[in-house]
Amino acid sequence: MTMSQDFELGFDSFDAAHHSHAAESNGIPDEYKTSSSVRNLCLIWPDGRKKFFNYAYLVSAEYAPADGLIQIAFTSATIMIKGIKLDMLYDKLLFHTPLKIVCQDERYNPVATDDYCVNEIIENRAP
């Protein structure tokens, strides 16, 4: 029995746009569009502070819908994200697709939106 040389795994046909966040700022996408060997998650605070974490060090994440909270455990820190419609963000984190998460003041939340809004990012560093 021989294996076909034309066999493909189908990774190239994965529809990343189906899992994508539509908005872009400054030409930088909000999510990874293709597979890559290195993936980072950049957190951006309203004052312009930025910090990134490598997905390789993501240990776990927990979504608490009643509290509007996602808790993300990395090996070096625990990140708490508060906002609205975070179930969508949690699902994206599950597949390591967000490139950045931008925090905005609650007063700038759209009145009617189908997307999530992050209103607070709290970093607790591991001892």
Protein backbone atom coordinates (compact mmCIF):
# COMPACT_ATOMS: atom_id res chain seq x y z
CA MET A 1 0.00 0.00 0.00
CA THR A 2 1.42 3.39 -0.98
CA MET A 3 0.53 6.80 0.31
CA SER A 4 -0.46 9.51 -2.14
CA GLN A 5 2.09 12.30 -2.61
CA ASP A 6 -0.83 14.70 -3.11
CA PHE A 7 -2.14 14.22 0.45
CA GLU A 8 -2.79 17.50 2.25
CA LEU A 9 -3.75 18.08 5.88
CA GLY A 10 -6.08 20.94 5.01
CA PHE A 11 -4.49 23.54 7.30
CA ASP A 12 -4.23 25.94 4.36
CA SER A 13 -7.96 25.75 3.75
CA PHE A 14 -8.91 26.68 7.34
CA ASP A 15 -11.16 29.74 7.15
CA ALA A 16 -9.49 32.06 9.66
CA ALA A 17 -11.73 34.90 8.48
CA HIS A 18 -14.67 32.96 9.90
CA HIS A 19 -13.10 33.34 13.34
CA SER A 20 -11.87 36.89 12.84
CA HIS A 21 -12.56 40.16 14.58
CA ALA A 22 -13.51 42.64 11.85
CA ALA A 23 -11.89 45.79 13.22
CA GLU A 24 -8.35 46.84 12.48
CA SER A 25 -6.47 49.86 13.74
CA ASN A 26 -3.44 51.42 12.07
CA GLY A 27 -3.38 48.52 9.61
CA ILE A 28 -2.52 46.04 12.37
CA PRO A 29 -5.00 43.14 12.53
CA ASP A 30 -6.74 42.21 15.78
CA GLU A 31 -6.26 38.50 15.17
CA TYR A 32 -3.92 36.10 13.47
CA LYS A 33 -5.12 35.32 9.94
CA THR A 34 -2.77 32.42 9.28
CA SER A 35 -1.11 29.74 11.30
CA SER A 36 2.25 30.65 12.80
CA SER A 37 4.79 29.00 15.04
CA VAL A 38 4.95 31.99 17.41
CA ARG A 39 1.85 33.70 18.75
CA ASN A 40 1.62 36.52 21.26
CA LEU A 41 -1.32 38.26 22.89
CA CYS A 42 -0.87 42.03 23.30
CA LEU A 43 -2.90 43.80 25.99
CA ILE A 44 -3.48 47.53 25.50
CA TRP A 45 -4.70 49.81 28.29
CA PRO A 46 -6.52 53.15 27.74
CA ASP A 47 -3.41 55.13 28.77
CA GLY A 48 -1.40 53.52 25.96
CA ARG A 49 0.43 50.97 28.12
CA LYS A 50 1.02 47.69 26.29
CA LYS A 51 2.21 44.27 27.38
CA PHE A 52 2.35 41.02 25.46
CA PHE A 53 2.27 37.40 26.58
CA ASN A 54 3.24 34.38 24.53
CA TYR A 55 0.39 31.90 24.05
CA ALA A 56 2.86 29.08 24.78
CA TYR A 57 2.75 30.15 28.44
CA LEU A 58 -1.03 30.24 28.67
CA VAL A 59 -2.02 27.74 31.36
CA SER A 60 -5.79 28.18 31.57
CA ALA A 61 -8.67 30.58 31.15
CA GLU A 62 -12.02 30.79 32.91
CA TYR A 63 -15.12 32.74 31.91
CA ALA A 64 -17.61 33.88 34.57
CA PRO A 65 -20.60 35.28 32.65
CA ALA A 66 -22.43 36.51 35.77
CA ASP A 67 -19.43 38.69 36.64
CA GLY A 68 -18.56 39.70 33.06
CA LEU A 69 -15.06 38.39 33.71
CA ILE A 70 -12.42 36.28 32.00
CA GLN A 71 -9.49 35.17 34.12
CA ILE A 72 -6.43 34.11 32.12
CA ALA A 73 -3.55 32.31 33.84
CA PHE A 74 -0.11 32.58 32.28
CA THR A 75 2.97 31.13 33.98
CA SER A 76 4.18 34.63 34.92
CA ALA A 77 0.89 36.43 35.66
CA THR A 78 -2.86 36.18 35.95
CA ILE A 79 -4.89 38.57 33.84
CA MET A 80 -8.48 39.54 34.65
CA ILE A 81 -10.51 41.00 31.83
CA LYS A 82 -13.85 42.68 32.55
CA GLY A 83 -16.38 43.80 29.97
CA ILE A 84 -19.48 42.85 28.03
CA LYS A 85 -20.21 39.91 25.70
CA LEU A 86 -16.93 38.31 26.75
CA ASP A 87 -18.11 34.83 25.75
CA MET A 88 -17.05 35.74 22.21
CA LEU A 89 -13.57 36.74 23.37
CA TYR A 90 -13.27 33.59 25.50
CA ASP A 91 -14.04 31.40 22.46
CA LYS A 92 -11.38 33.23 20.45
CA LEU A 93 -8.83 32.81 23.26
CA LEU A 94 -9.56 29.09 23.22
CA PHE A 95 -8.16 28.94 19.67
CA HIS A 96 -5.35 31.48 20.33
CA THR A 97 -6.62 33.82 17.60
CA PRO A 98 -6.64 37.28 19.26
CA LEU A 99 -3.49 39.24 18.50
CA LYS A 100 -4.47 42.11 20.76
CA ILE A 101 -7.08 42.99 23.35
CA VAL A 102 -7.80 46.69 23.65
CA CYS A 103 -9.28 48.08 26.85
CA GLN A 104 -11.53 51.10 26.58
CA ASP A 105 -13.44 53.23 29.04
CA GLU A 106 -16.97 51.93 29.58
CA ARG A 107 -18.49 55.22 28.41
CA TYR A 108 -17.19 54.49 24.90
CA ASN A 109 -18.99 51.14 24.61
CA PRO A 110 -21.25 51.10 21.55
CA VAL A 111 -24.96 51.24 22.40
CA ALA A 112 -25.80 48.35 20.10
CA THR A 113 -23.04 45.95 19.18
CA ASP A 114 -22.69 42.28 18.39
CA ASP A 115 -19.06 42.31 19.46
CA TYR A 116 -17.39 42.19 22.86
CA CYS A 117 -16.09 45.25 24.70
CA VAL A 118 -13.23 45.12 27.21
CA ASN A 119 -13.51 47.77 29.93
CA GLU A 120 -10.87 46.70 32.43
CA ILE A 121 -7.65 44.68 32.36
CA ILE A 122 -6.04 43.81 35.69
CA GLU A 123 -2.64 42.14 35.86
CA ASN A 124 -1.59 40.15 38.92
CA ARG A 125 2.02 39.04 38.69
CA ALA A 126 2.95 35.57 39.88
CA PRO A 127 5.15 35.43 42.99
